Amino acid sequence: MAGFDDSVQRSYTLPGGGRGESGKIDFSANSFCQAVPTRMISVYDYKTIPAFDNTTAGFQNIYTHNVICDMSISANGTIGFHRQCMRTDLSSSVYYSLSGW
């Protein structure tokens, strides 16, 4: 699929059927939305994890990892992720995982 970057993203088969994809999303300082390329045609589950250590003092913010996914694949082979955190310095990068077909 157009835009899928093999050096940054990983695609794999899930046990029992289905596909998985994972990688890292880097939001720019002013962006709250990122279109991530995908090879999938449908998604039923996603997970995101902050790409920084949120266990150290000063980073105990439950909102830093709020990233939502629109769960629909666009016609150009991308899926949209939207971050819900006002602290762009803490939520600029997240790791993601998608499950689907």
C-alpha atoms as a PDB file:
ATOM      1  CA  MET A   1       0.000   0.000   0.000  1.00  0.00           C
ATOM      2  CA  ALA A   2       1.229   3.489  -0.743  1.00  0.00           C
ATOM      3  CA  GLY A   3       3.011   5.178   2.122  1.00  0.00           C
ATOM      4  CA  PHE A   4       3.695   2.116   4.292  1.00  0.00           C
ATOM      5  CA  ASP A   5       7.272   2.568   5.497  1.00  0.00           C
ATOM      6  CA  ASP A   6       8.961  -0.789   6.143  1.00  0.00           C
ATOM      7  CA  SER A   7      11.808   0.854   8.060  1.00  0.00           C
ATOM      8  CA  VAL A   8       9.452   2.362  10.682  1.00  0.00           C
ATOM      9  CA  GLN A   9       6.332   0.198  10.670  1.00  0.00           C
ATOM     10  CA  ARG A  10       5.885  -3.526  11.237  1.00  0.00           C
ATOM     11  CA  SER A  11       3.199  -5.810   9.851  1.00  0.00           C
ATOM     12  CA  TYR A  12       2.504  -9.261  11.293  1.00  0.00           C
ATOM     13  CA  THR A  13      -0.061 -12.077  11.461  1.00  0.00           C
ATOM     14  CA  LEU A  14      -2.114 -12.422  14.641  1.00  0.00           C
ATOM     15  CA  PRO A  15      -2.676 -15.839  16.257  1.00  0.00           C
ATOM     16  CA  GLY A  16      -6.046 -17.219  15.186  1.00  0.00           C
ATOM     17  CA  GLY A  17      -6.210 -15.010  12.105  1.00  0.00           C
ATOM     18  CA  GLY A  18      -6.117 -11.347  11.318  1.00  0.00           C
ATOM     19  CA  ARG A  19      -3.298  -8.878  10.860  1.00  0.00           C
ATOM     20  CA  GLY A  20      -1.424  -6.499  13.067  1.00  0.00           C
ATOM     21  CA  GLU A  21       0.589  -3.374  12.429  1.00  0.00           C
ATOM     22  CA  SER A  22       2.694  -1.310  14.793  1.00  0.00           C
ATOM     23  CA  GLY A  23       5.075   1.592  14.713  1.00  0.00           C
ATOM     24  CA  LYS A  24       5.750   5.077  16.031  1.00  0.00           C
ATOM     25  CA  ILE A  25       3.760   8.248  15.380  1.00  0.00           C
ATOM     26  CA  ASP A  26       5.596  11.564  15.563  1.00  0.00           C
ATOM     27  CA  PHE A  27       3.265  14.537  15.827  1.00  0.00           C
ATOM     28  CA  SER A  28       4.713  17.933  14.950  1.00  0.00           C
ATOM     29  CA  ALA A  29       4.623  20.656  17.606  1.00  0.00           C
ATOM     30  CA  ASN A  30       1.421  22.177  16.224  1.00  0.00           C
ATOM     31  CA  SER A  31      -0.326  19.070  14.909  1.00  0.00           C
ATOM     32  CA  PHE A  32      -2.985  17.134  16.788  1.00  0.00           C
ATOM     33  CA  CYS A  33      -3.752  14.740  13.932  1.00  0.00           C
ATOM     34  CA  GLN A  34      -1.606  12.311  11.974  1.00  0.00           C
ATOM     35  CA  ALA A  35      -2.574  10.162   8.999  1.00  0.00           C
ATOM     36  CA  VAL A  36      -0.667   6.891   9.353  1.00  0.00           C
ATOM     37  CA  PRO A  37      -0.266   4.674   6.277  1.00  0.00           C
ATOM     38  CA  THR A  38      -1.647   1.160   6.562  1.00  0.00           C
ATOM     39  CA  ARG A  39      -2.073  -2.025   4.527  1.00  0.00           C
ATOM     40  CA  MET A  40      -5.250  -2.985   6.367  1.00  0.00           C
ATOM     41  CA  ILE A  41      -8.776  -2.690   5.034  1.00  0.00           C
ATOM     42  CA  SER A  42     -10.504  -2.752   8.454  1.00  0.00           C
ATOM     43  CA  VAL A  43      -9.426  -2.228  12.071  1.00  0.00           C
ATOM     44  CA  TYR A  44     -11.147  -3.565  15.190  1.00  0.00           C
ATOM     45  CA  ASP A  45      -8.641  -2.608  17.916  1.00  0.00           C
ATOM     46  CA  TYR A  46      -5.816  -0.168  18.565  1.00  0.00           C
ATOM     47  CA  LYS A  47      -3.460   0.742  21.402  1.00  0.00           C
ATOM     48  CA  THR A  48      -1.131   3.687  21.946  1.00  0.00           C
ATOM     49  CA  ILE A  49       1.710   4.107  24.431  1.00  0.00           C
ATOM     50  CA  PRO A  50       3.613   7.360  25.110  1.00  0.00           C
ATOM     51  CA  ALA A  51       7.152   7.299  23.761  1.00  0.00           C
ATOM     52  CA  PHE A  52       8.580   8.849  26.934  1.00  0.00           C
ATOM     53  CA  ASP A  53       9.040   7.605  30.475  1.00  0.00           C
ATOM     54  CA  ASN A  54       5.905   8.752  32.295  1.00  0.00           C
ATOM     55  CA  THR A  55       6.957   7.155  35.576  1.00  0.00           C
ATOM     56  CA  THR A  56       9.473   9.872  36.486  1.00  0.00           C
ATOM     57  CA  ALA A  57       8.516  12.793  38.696  1.00  0.00           C
ATOM     58  CA  GLY A  58       6.792  15.591  36.825  1.00  0.00           C
ATOM     59  CA  PHE A  59       5.283  13.334  34.171  1.00  0.00           C
ATOM     60  CA  GLN A  60       2.407  11.918  36.222  1.00  0.00           C
ATOM     61  CA  ASN A  61      -0.258  13.181  33.851  1.00  0.00           C
ATOM     62  CA  ILE A  62      -2.999  10.731  32.882  1.00  0.00           C
ATOM     63  CA  TYR A  63      -3.869  12.829  29.841  1.00  0.00           C
ATOM     64  CA  THR A  64      -0.503  12.614  28.096  1.00  0.00           C
ATOM     65  CA  HIS A  65      -1.357   9.288  26.466  1.00  0.00           C
ATOM     66  CA  ASN A  66      -4.853  10.162  25.225  1.00  0.00           C
ATOM     67  CA  VAL A  67      -4.710   9.339  21.533  1.00  0.00           C
ATOM     68  CA  ILE A  68      -7.840   8.330  19.664  1.00  0.00           C
ATOM     69  CA  CYS A  69      -8.145   6.524  16.359  1.00  0.00           C
ATOM     70  CA  ASP A  70     -11.029   6.993  13.920  1.00  0.00           C
ATOM     71  CA  MET A  71     -11.001   3.202  13.192  1.00  0.00           C
ATOM     72  CA  SER A  72     -11.863   3.737   9.524  1.00  0.00           C
ATOM     73  CA  ILE A  73      -9.429   3.337   6.663  1.00  0.00           C
ATOM     74  CA  SER A  74      -9.465   6.176   4.158  1.00  0.00           C
ATOM     75  CA  ALA A  75      -9.419   5.618   0.404  1.00  0.00           C
ATOM     76  CA  ASN A  76      -5.717   6.494   0.175  1.00  0.00           C
ATOM     77  CA  GLY A  77      -4.635   3.756   2.632  1.00  0.00           C
ATOM     78  CA  THR A  78      -4.247   5.814   5.800  1.00  0.00           C
ATOM     79  CA  ILE A  79      -5.818   5.744   9.249  1.00  0.00           C
ATOM     80  CA  GLY A  80      -6.180   8.858  11.412  1.00  0.00           C
ATOM     81  CA  PHE A  81      -4.821   9.267  14.932  1.00  0.00           C
ATOM     82  CA  HIS A  82      -5.757  12.326  17.007  1.00  0.00           C
ATOM     83  CA  ARG A  83      -4.041  13.283  20.237  1.00  0.00           C
ATOM     84  CA  GLN A  84      -6.189  14.719  23.010  1.00  0.00           C
ATOM     85  CA  CYS A  85      -3.448  16.260  25.158  1.00  0.00           C
ATOM     86  CA  MET A  86      -2.774  19.980  25.529  1.00  0.00           C
ATOM     87  CA  ARG A  87       0.829  19.230  26.555  1.00  0.00           C
ATOM     88  CA  THR A  88       2.379  18.887  23.112  1.00  0.00           C
ATOM     89  CA  ASP A  89       5.850  18.618  24.675  1.00  0.00           C
ATOM     90  CA  LEU A  90       4.804  15.388  26.435  1.00  0.00           C
ATOM     91  CA  SER A  91       2.669  13.791  23.736  1.00  0.00           C
ATOM     92  CA  SER A  92       4.671  14.473  20.586  1.00  0.00           C
ATOM     93  CA  SER A  93       5.515  10.794  19.993  1.00  0.00           C
ATOM     94  CA  VAL A  94       3.571   7.599  20.660  1.00  0.00           C
ATOM     95  CA  TYR A  95       3.970   3.937  19.789  1.00  0.00           C
ATOM     96  CA  TYR A  96       0.873   2.350  18.286  1.00  0.00           C
ATOM     97  CA  SER A  97      -0.534  -1.076  17.536  1.00  0.00           C
ATOM     98  CA  LEU A  98      -3.441  -1.908  15.214  1.00  0.00           C
ATOM     99  CA  SER A  99      -5.411  -5.157  14.911  1.00  0.00           C
ATOM    100  CA  GLY A 100      -7.667  -5.973  11.976  1.00  0.00           C
ATOM    101  CA  TRP A 101      -7.637  -7.438   8.467  1.00  0.00           C
END
